[in-house]
Amino acid sequence: MMSKKFTCVPIKDNNPLYDENAVSFFMLAHKQPRATDYCLKTVRDHYPTNKIIVFENGSNVLKNICKKHNAKYIYQPINYQKPEKGKSFFACMQTLEHFKIFINQHKHACEYLDTKWIIYLEADVIIKKRIEKFPQKSIGGHLHSFNEFNSEITAYINMFRKKDLKKKYIFTCAGGSIINKSHLYTIVENNEWEKYIKYPLTQNKGKEIMSIQYRDAFLSYLFYIYGYETEEWSEYAEMIKIIKIDNEKHIVSAYRRIDGKYIIEPDNGKFYVGQDRIENAAIIHQYKKYYT
């Protein structure tokens, strides 16, 4: 159970009562105390007083770290995002109850944080400098072509989306992405979201893991249904250590070593993050959790 409920009046974008460019930070965490400590340290290096809220899900090792970095800490006993044995290599949500916990945490975050923009943190995200350029759309991140929703999920989006239907949608919102808080709150403030996931779960009947069972894809899915859009954000760069290679879809194999040096290993040409993008970005998602 949540230890405390936060309440506030949502602020509308068309009449902001706060700094348009201010940011706050939100983290869903599980174990990885050293990586979490370093992530929060990099936030405080550049944003010493901005609000941070951390939900620790299913482990109980991060409370003192959050206190050290003046981050709001909430313990939640269920690790509701984890690989499903035999079906998924990556952490995913498997039941409607998992989605409810997920949405409730995002709602609490929106009610506690007080800025237009929220940065979603993961343990392998580092903040290199203060953000200078903010998105025009609702979510800023990477728009990889290999993250295009398949035809089935695209059909679900267009079934529920009221206008401007598209032939393809690309999901984003991985660690380090930036999210418009009031748009997120519009999605999570009531239970309307339930029907948008219940229907796919019912149709799928547990046959395989759908992309929208992953956090980043699920949020993107909801944003698209509500008519919001995403954009490629220049302040963000991903550096990824390849673990598993797919012959048709691939991720850029570039990563940051512990000693701070950058190693760029271009993949098969479908996508490549150049050195200049990495050097100039304010936020780096390393995809290499080298801390325990």
Foldseek 3Di string as FASTA:
>chain_A
DWPDFFADDADDPVDDPDDQQDEAEEEEAEDQQVLQLQQLVLCCVAPVDAEYEYEYEQDDDHPVSCVVSVYHYIYHNHPQFDADPPFDPGTFHDDLVSVVVVLVSLLRVLRPHDYQKYAYAYSQKGFAYRDDDDDPFFKEADFAPLQKFDQVLLVLLVVQADDDRDNIDGWGRDHGMMGGSSLSNVQRVDDPCSVSPVVVCVVCVPPHDHPCRDDRNVSSSSCSSDPTHYDHDLQEDEAACDDDDDPPDDDFHKAADPVGDTDGDGDPPSDGDDPVSVVRHRMYRGNDSPGD
